[in-house]
Amino acid sequence: MTCITGVVKTEVISVEPKARTNLIPLEERIRMRAHQLYVERGNESGSELDDWLQAEEEIAAAEEEWKERE
């Protein structure tokens, strides 16, 4: 099971689809995860696109894994 979590603005972020019980839209989950990656890198700018693409990939992989388990 892949589940990546973190805290941004006191909210727990997860790429795990089942954890979306609060129905956060996909784009917002990607934005939050991309921001989390930025913070994990020490708030260094210059990799915004990489962060966004990585966040998309992680969330898509987690959704695919979740669908396979259903």
N, C-alpha and C. Protein backbone atom coordinates (compact mmCIF):
# COMPACT_ATOMS: atom_id res chain seq x y z
N MET A 1 0.84 -1.18 0.00
CA MET A 1 0.00 0.00 0.00
C MET A 1 0.88 1.24 0.00
N THR A 2 0.59 2.16 -0.90
CA THR A 2 1.33 3.41 -0.98
C THR A 2 0.46 4.51 -0.40
N CYS A 3 0.98 5.18 0.60
CA CYS A 3 0.26 6.31 1.18
C CYS A 3 1.29 7.33 1.62
N ILE A 4 1.26 8.49 1.01
CA ILE A 4 2.20 9.55 1.34
C ILE A 4 1.40 10.64 2.02
N THR A 5 1.79 10.97 3.23
CA THR A 5 1.03 11.99 3.96
C THR A 5 1.96 13.08 4.45
N GLY A 6 1.39 14.17 4.82
CA GLY A 6 2.16 15.29 5.34
C GLY A 6 1.21 16.34 5.87
N VAL A 7 1.75 17.43 6.33
CA VAL A 7 0.93 18.48 6.90
C VAL A 7 1.23 19.79 6.19
N VAL A 8 0.20 20.42 5.71
CA VAL A 8 0.29 21.76 5.13
C VAL A 8 -0.91 22.52 5.66
N LYS A 9 -0.66 23.66 6.27
CA LYS A 9 -1.73 24.47 6.85
C LYS A 9 -2.59 23.64 7.79
N THR A 10 -1.97 22.81 8.59
CA THR A 10 -2.60 21.94 9.58
C THR A 10 -3.56 20.91 9.00
N GLU A 11 -3.51 20.68 7.67
CA GLU A 11 -4.34 19.66 7.06
C GLU A 11 -3.46 18.47 6.71
N VAL A 12 -3.95 17.28 6.96
CA VAL A 12 -3.22 16.09 6.56
C VAL A 12 -3.49 15.85 5.09
N ILE A 13 -2.43 15.67 4.34
CA ILE A 13 -2.53 15.45 2.90
C ILE A 13 -2.19 14.00 2.62
N SER A 14 -2.97 13.38 1.77
CA SER A 14 -2.70 12.00 1.40
C SER A 14 -2.96 11.84 -0.09
N VAL A 15 -2.11 11.07 -0.75
CA VAL A 15 -2.38 10.74 -2.14
C VAL A 15 -3.27 9.52 -2.21
N GLU A 16 -3.54 8.89 -1.08
CA GLU A 16 -4.39 7.70 -1.02
C GLU A 16 -5.83 8.09 -1.33
N PRO A 17 -6.42 7.57 -2.43
CA PRO A 17 -7.77 7.97 -2.81
C PRO A 17 -8.81 7.70 -1.73
N LYS A 18 -8.70 6.60 -1.03
CA LYS A 18 -9.70 6.26 -0.02
C LYS A 18 -9.73 7.31 1.09
N ALA A 19 -8.62 8.02 1.29
CA ALA A 19 -8.56 9.04 2.32
C ALA A 19 -9.27 10.31 1.89
N ARG A 20 -9.84 10.34 0.69
CA ARG A 20 -10.50 11.53 0.18
C ARG A 20 -11.94 11.62 0.64
N THR A 21 -12.24 11.17 1.80
CA THR A 21 -13.63 11.19 2.25
C THR A 21 -14.19 12.60 2.30
N ASN A 22 -13.33 13.59 2.38
CA ASN A 22 -13.80 14.97 2.37
C ASN A 22 -13.94 15.52 0.95
N LEU A 23 -13.74 14.68 -0.06
CA LEU A 23 -13.95 15.01 -1.47
C LEU A 23 -13.14 16.21 -1.96
N ILE A 24 -11.87 16.21 -1.68
CA ILE A 24 -10.99 17.26 -2.18
C ILE A 24 -10.81 17.03 -3.68
N PRO A 25 -11.07 18.03 -4.51
CA PRO A 25 -10.91 17.86 -5.96
C PRO A 25 -9.48 17.47 -6.33
N LEU A 26 -9.36 16.72 -7.41
CA LEU A 26 -8.07 16.21 -7.86
C LEU A 26 -7.02 17.31 -8.00
N GLU A 27 -7.36 18.39 -8.66
CA GLU A 27 -6.39 19.46 -8.87
C GLU A 27 -5.90 20.06 -7.54
N GLU A 28 -6.80 20.16 -6.58
CA GLU A 28 -6.42 20.69 -5.27
C GLU A 28 -5.48 19.72 -4.55
N ARG A 29 -5.75 18.40 -4.65
CA ARG A 29 -4.85 17.42 -4.04
C ARG A 29 -3.47 17.48 -4.68
N ILE A 30 -3.42 17.67 -5.99
CA ILE A 30 -2.13 17.78 -6.69
C ILE A 30 -1.42 19.04 -6.21
N ARG A 31 -2.14 20.15 -6.13
CA ARG A 31 -1.54 21.40 -5.68
C ARG A 31 -0.97 21.25 -4.27
N MET A 32 -1.74 20.63 -3.39
CA MET A 32 -1.28 20.47 -2.01
C MET A 32 -0.05 19.56 -1.94
N ARG A 33 -0.05 18.48 -2.71
CA ARG A 33 1.11 17.57 -2.69
C ARG A 33 2.32 18.25 -3.31
N ALA A 34 2.14 19.03 -4.39
CA ALA A 34 3.25 19.74 -5.01
C ALA A 34 3.85 20.73 -4.02
N HIS A 35 3.00 21.42 -3.27
CA HIS A 35 3.49 22.35 -2.25
C HIS A 35 4.27 21.59 -1.17
N GLN A 36 3.76 20.45 -0.80
CA GLN A 36 4.43 19.63 0.21
C GLN A 36 5.83 19.22 -0.28
N LEU A 37 5.95 18.85 -1.54
CA LEU A 37 7.26 18.49 -2.10
C LEU A 37 8.20 19.69 -2.06
N TYR A 38 7.68 20.87 -2.38
CA TYR A 38 8.45 22.11 -2.32
C TYR A 38 8.99 22.35 -0.91
N VAL A 39 8.13 22.18 0.07
CA VAL A 39 8.54 22.38 1.47
C VAL A 39 9.59 21.34 1.87
N GLU A 40 9.39 20.09 1.44
CA GLU A 40 10.35 19.03 1.76
C GLU A 40 11.74 19.33 1.17
N ARG A 41 11.78 20.06 0.06
CA ARG A 41 13.06 20.44 -0.55
C ARG A 41 13.66 21.67 0.11
N GLY A 42 13.04 22.19 1.14
CA GLY A 42 13.58 23.35 1.83
C GLY A 42 13.11 24.67 1.27
N ASN A 43 11.93 24.69 0.66
CA ASN A 43 11.34 25.92 0.11
C ASN A 43 12.20 26.57 -0.96
N GLU A 44 12.95 25.76 -1.69
CA GLU A 44 13.79 26.29 -2.77
C GLU A 44 12.97 26.33 -4.06
N SER A 45 12.91 27.50 -4.68
CA SER A 45 12.15 27.63 -5.91
C SER A 45 12.97 27.12 -7.09
N GLY A 46 12.30 26.98 -8.22
CA GLY A 46 12.97 26.55 -9.44
C GLY A 46 12.55 25.17 -9.91
N SER A 47 11.81 24.43 -9.10
CA SER A 47 11.40 23.08 -9.49
C SER A 47 9.89 22.92 -9.42
N GLU A 48 9.16 23.99 -9.63
CA GLU A 48 7.72 23.97 -9.49
C GLU A 48 7.07 22.96 -10.44
N LEU A 49 7.50 22.95 -11.69
CA LEU A 49 6.93 22.02 -12.66
C LEU A 49 7.26 20.58 -12.27
N ASP A 50 8.48 20.33 -11.84
CA ASP A 50 8.86 18.99 -11.40
C ASP A 50 8.00 18.55 -10.22
N ASP A 51 7.77 19.45 -9.27
CA ASP A 51 6.93 19.13 -8.12
C ASP A 51 5.52 18.78 -8.56
N TRP A 52 4.97 19.58 -9.47
CA TRP A 52 3.62 19.35 -9.95
C TRP A 52 3.52 18.00 -10.65
N LEU A 53 4.47 17.72 -11.53
CA LEU A 53 4.45 16.46 -12.27
C LEU A 53 4.63 15.26 -11.34
N GLN A 54 5.49 15.39 -10.36
CA GLN A 54 5.67 14.30 -9.39
C GLN A 54 4.40 14.07 -8.59
N ALA A 55 3.76 15.16 -8.18
CA ALA A 55 2.51 15.06 -7.43
C ALA A 55 1.44 14.37 -8.28
N GLU A 56 1.32 14.75 -9.54
CA GLU A 56 0.35 14.11 -10.44
C GLU A 56 0.63 12.62 -10.54
N GLU A 57 1.89 12.28 -10.72
CA GLU A 57 2.28 10.87 -10.88
C GLU A 57 1.95 10.06 -9.62
N GLU A 58 2.29 10.60 -8.46
CA GLU A 58 2.02 9.90 -7.19
C GLU A 58 0.54 9.68 -6.98
N ILE A 59 -0.26 10.70 -7.25
CA ILE A 59 -1.69 10.59 -7.03
C ILE A 59 -2.32 9.63 -8.03
N ALA A 60 -1.89 9.70 -9.28
CA ALA A 60 -2.42 8.77 -10.30
C ALA A 60 -2.06 7.33 -9.95
N ALA A 61 -0.84 7.09 -9.49
CA ALA A 61 -0.41 5.74 -9.10
C ALA A 61 -1.22 5.23 -7.92
N ALA A 62 -1.45 6.10 -6.95
CA ALA A 62 -2.23 5.70 -5.78
C ALA A 62 -3.68 5.40 -6.16
N GLU A 63 -4.25 6.18 -7.07
CA GLU A 63 -5.62 5.93 -7.52
C GLU A 63 -5.70 4.61 -8.27
N GLU A 64 -4.72 4.34 -9.12
CA GLU A 64 -4.70 3.09 -9.87
C GLU A 64 -4.59 1.89 -8.92
N GLU A 65 -3.72 2.00 -7.93
CA GLU A 65 -3.57 0.93 -6.95
C GLU A 65 -4.85 0.73 -6.17
N TRP A 66 -5.52 1.80 -5.81
CA TRP A 66 -6.77 1.72 -5.06
C TRP A 66 -7.84 1.04 -5.89
N LYS A 67 -7.92 1.38 -7.19
CA LYS A 67 -8.91 0.76 -8.08
C LYS A 67 -8.67 -0.73 -8.21
N GLU A 68 -7.40 -1.13 -8.26
CA GLU A 68 -7.07 -2.55 -8.38
C GLU A 68 -7.48 -3.34 -7.15
N ARG A 69 -7.50 -2.69 -5.99
CA ARG A 69 -7.86 -3.37 -4.74
C ARG A 69 -9.36 -3.51 -4.59
N GLU A 70 -10.13 -2.74 -5.33
CA GLU A 70 -11.60 -2.82 -5.20
C GLU A 70 -12.15 -4.09 -5.76
